[in-house]
């Protein structure tokens, strides 16, 4: 996801800094409990922070609707 966003912003010629805290298969709760994730958020002055659940979990929870 950070890579896709960076490619989109490059076309606008704006200077941006993108970082991520990811771990394969980790849920939001698992990432929240990791010190690295919280430190990245706390130690920078962010204009925006994008947080989202792993894709597969969202699909699994809503599969009955399809």
C-alpha atoms as a PDB file:
ATOM      1  CA  UNK A   1       0.000   0.000   0.000  1.00  0.00           C
ATOM      2  CA  UNK A   2       2.707   2.613   0.768  1.00  0.00           C
ATOM      3  CA  UNK A   3       4.315   1.918  -2.610  1.00  0.00           C
ATOM      4  CA  UNK A   4       1.071   2.498  -4.506  1.00  0.00           C
ATOM      5  CA  UNK A   5       0.393   5.741  -2.633  1.00  0.00           C
ATOM      6  CA  UNK A   6       3.938   6.963  -3.273  1.00  0.00           C
ATOM      7  CA  UNK A   7       3.557   6.343  -7.009  1.00  0.00           C
ATOM      8  CA  UNK A   8       0.303   8.319  -7.041  1.00  0.00           C
ATOM      9  CA  UNK A   9       1.838  11.295  -5.221  1.00  0.00           C
ATOM     10  CA  UNK A  10       4.985  11.378  -7.383  1.00  0.00           C
ATOM     11  CA  UNK A  11       2.864  12.597 -10.295  1.00  0.00           C
ATOM     12  CA  UNK A  12       1.766  15.604  -8.243  1.00  0.00           C
ATOM     13  CA  UNK A  13       5.415  16.712  -7.755  1.00  0.00           C
ATOM     14  CA  UNK A  14       4.843  17.110  -4.007  1.00  0.00           C
ATOM     15  CA  UNK A  15       7.515  16.199  -1.519  1.00  0.00           C
ATOM     16  CA  UNK A  16       6.284  13.507   0.832  1.00  0.00           C
ATOM     17  CA  UNK A  17       7.692  11.124   3.394  1.00  0.00           C
ATOM     18  CA  UNK A  18       6.082   7.717   3.655  1.00  0.00           C
ATOM     19  CA  UNK A  19       6.815   5.072   6.246  1.00  0.00           C
ATOM     20  CA  UNK A  20       5.059   1.898   7.225  1.00  0.00           C
ATOM     21  CA  UNK A  21       4.864  -0.567  10.075  1.00  0.00           C
ATOM     22  CA  UNK A  22       3.812  -3.897   8.677  1.00  0.00           C
ATOM     23  CA  UNK A  23       4.171  -7.527   9.562  1.00  0.00           C
ATOM     24  CA  UNK A  24       2.844 -10.299   7.299  1.00  0.00           C
ATOM     25  CA  UNK A  25      -0.521 -11.500   8.544  1.00  0.00           C
ATOM     26  CA  UNK A  26      -0.557  -9.162  11.560  1.00  0.00           C
ATOM     27  CA  UNK A  27      -3.814  -7.646  12.739  1.00  0.00           C
ATOM     28  CA  UNK A  28      -4.191  -4.040  13.863  1.00  0.00           C
ATOM     29  CA  UNK A  29      -4.164  -5.199  17.470  1.00  0.00           C
ATOM     30  CA  UNK A  30      -0.907  -7.084  16.970  1.00  0.00           C
ATOM     31  CA  UNK A  31       0.733  -4.062  15.347  1.00  0.00           C
ATOM     32  CA  UNK A  32      -0.601  -1.782  18.075  1.00  0.00           C
ATOM     33  CA  UNK A  33       1.063  -3.974  20.670  1.00  0.00           C
ATOM     34  CA  UNK A  34       4.436  -3.724  18.914  1.00  0.00           C
ATOM     35  CA  UNK A  35       6.631  -0.917  20.245  1.00  0.00           C
ATOM     36  CA  UNK A  36       8.026  -0.194  16.782  1.00  0.00           C
ATOM     37  CA  UNK A  37       4.620   0.776  15.427  1.00  0.00           C
ATOM     38  CA  UNK A  38       3.779   3.173  18.242  1.00  0.00           C
ATOM     39  CA  UNK A  39       7.266   4.700  18.216  1.00  0.00           C
ATOM     40  CA  UNK A  40       7.015   5.433  14.491  1.00  0.00           C
ATOM     41  CA  UNK A  41       3.759   7.280  15.074  1.00  0.00           C
ATOM     42  CA  UNK A  42       4.982   9.154  18.151  1.00  0.00           C
ATOM     43  CA  UNK A  43       8.433  10.144  16.884  1.00  0.00           C
ATOM     44  CA  UNK A  44       7.383  11.945  13.706  1.00  0.00           C
ATOM     45  CA  UNK A  45       5.239  14.973  13.069  1.00  0.00           C
ATOM     46  CA  UNK A  46       2.706  13.459  10.695  1.00  0.00           C
ATOM     47  CA  UNK A  47       0.079  15.330   8.718  1.00  0.00           C
ATOM     48  CA  UNK A  48      -1.765  12.062   8.155  1.00  0.00           C
ATOM     49  CA  UNK A  49      -1.574   8.527   9.505  1.00  0.00           C
ATOM     50  CA  UNK A  50      -3.375   5.815   7.550  1.00  0.00           C
ATOM     51  CA  UNK A  51      -4.300   2.732   9.526  1.00  0.00           C
ATOM     52  CA  UNK A  52      -6.057  -0.271   8.077  1.00  0.00           C
ATOM     53  CA  UNK A  53      -6.741  -3.887   8.942  1.00  0.00           C
ATOM     54  CA  UNK A  54      -5.153  -6.672   6.948  1.00  0.00           C
ATOM     55  CA  UNK A  55      -7.143  -7.258   3.787  1.00  0.00           C
ATOM     56  CA  UNK A  56      -7.858 -10.939   4.254  1.00  0.00           C
ATOM     57  CA  UNK A  57      -9.485 -10.421   7.660  1.00  0.00           C
ATOM     58  CA  UNK A  58     -11.924  -7.872   6.268  1.00  0.00           C
ATOM     59  CA  UNK A  59     -12.853 -10.325   3.533  1.00  0.00           C
ATOM     60  CA  UNK A  60     -13.274 -13.226   5.949  1.00  0.00           C
ATOM     61  CA  UNK A  61     -15.583 -11.267   8.237  1.00  0.00           C
ATOM     62  CA  UNK A  62     -17.859 -10.150   5.397  1.00  0.00           C
ATOM     63  CA  UNK A  63     -17.807 -13.289   3.224  1.00  0.00           C
ATOM     64  CA  UNK A  64     -21.383 -14.234   4.203  1.00  0.00           C
ATOM     65  CA  UNK A  65     -22.671 -11.024   2.623  1.00  0.00           C
ATOM     66  CA  UNK A  66     -21.486 -12.060  -0.837  1.00  0.00           C
END
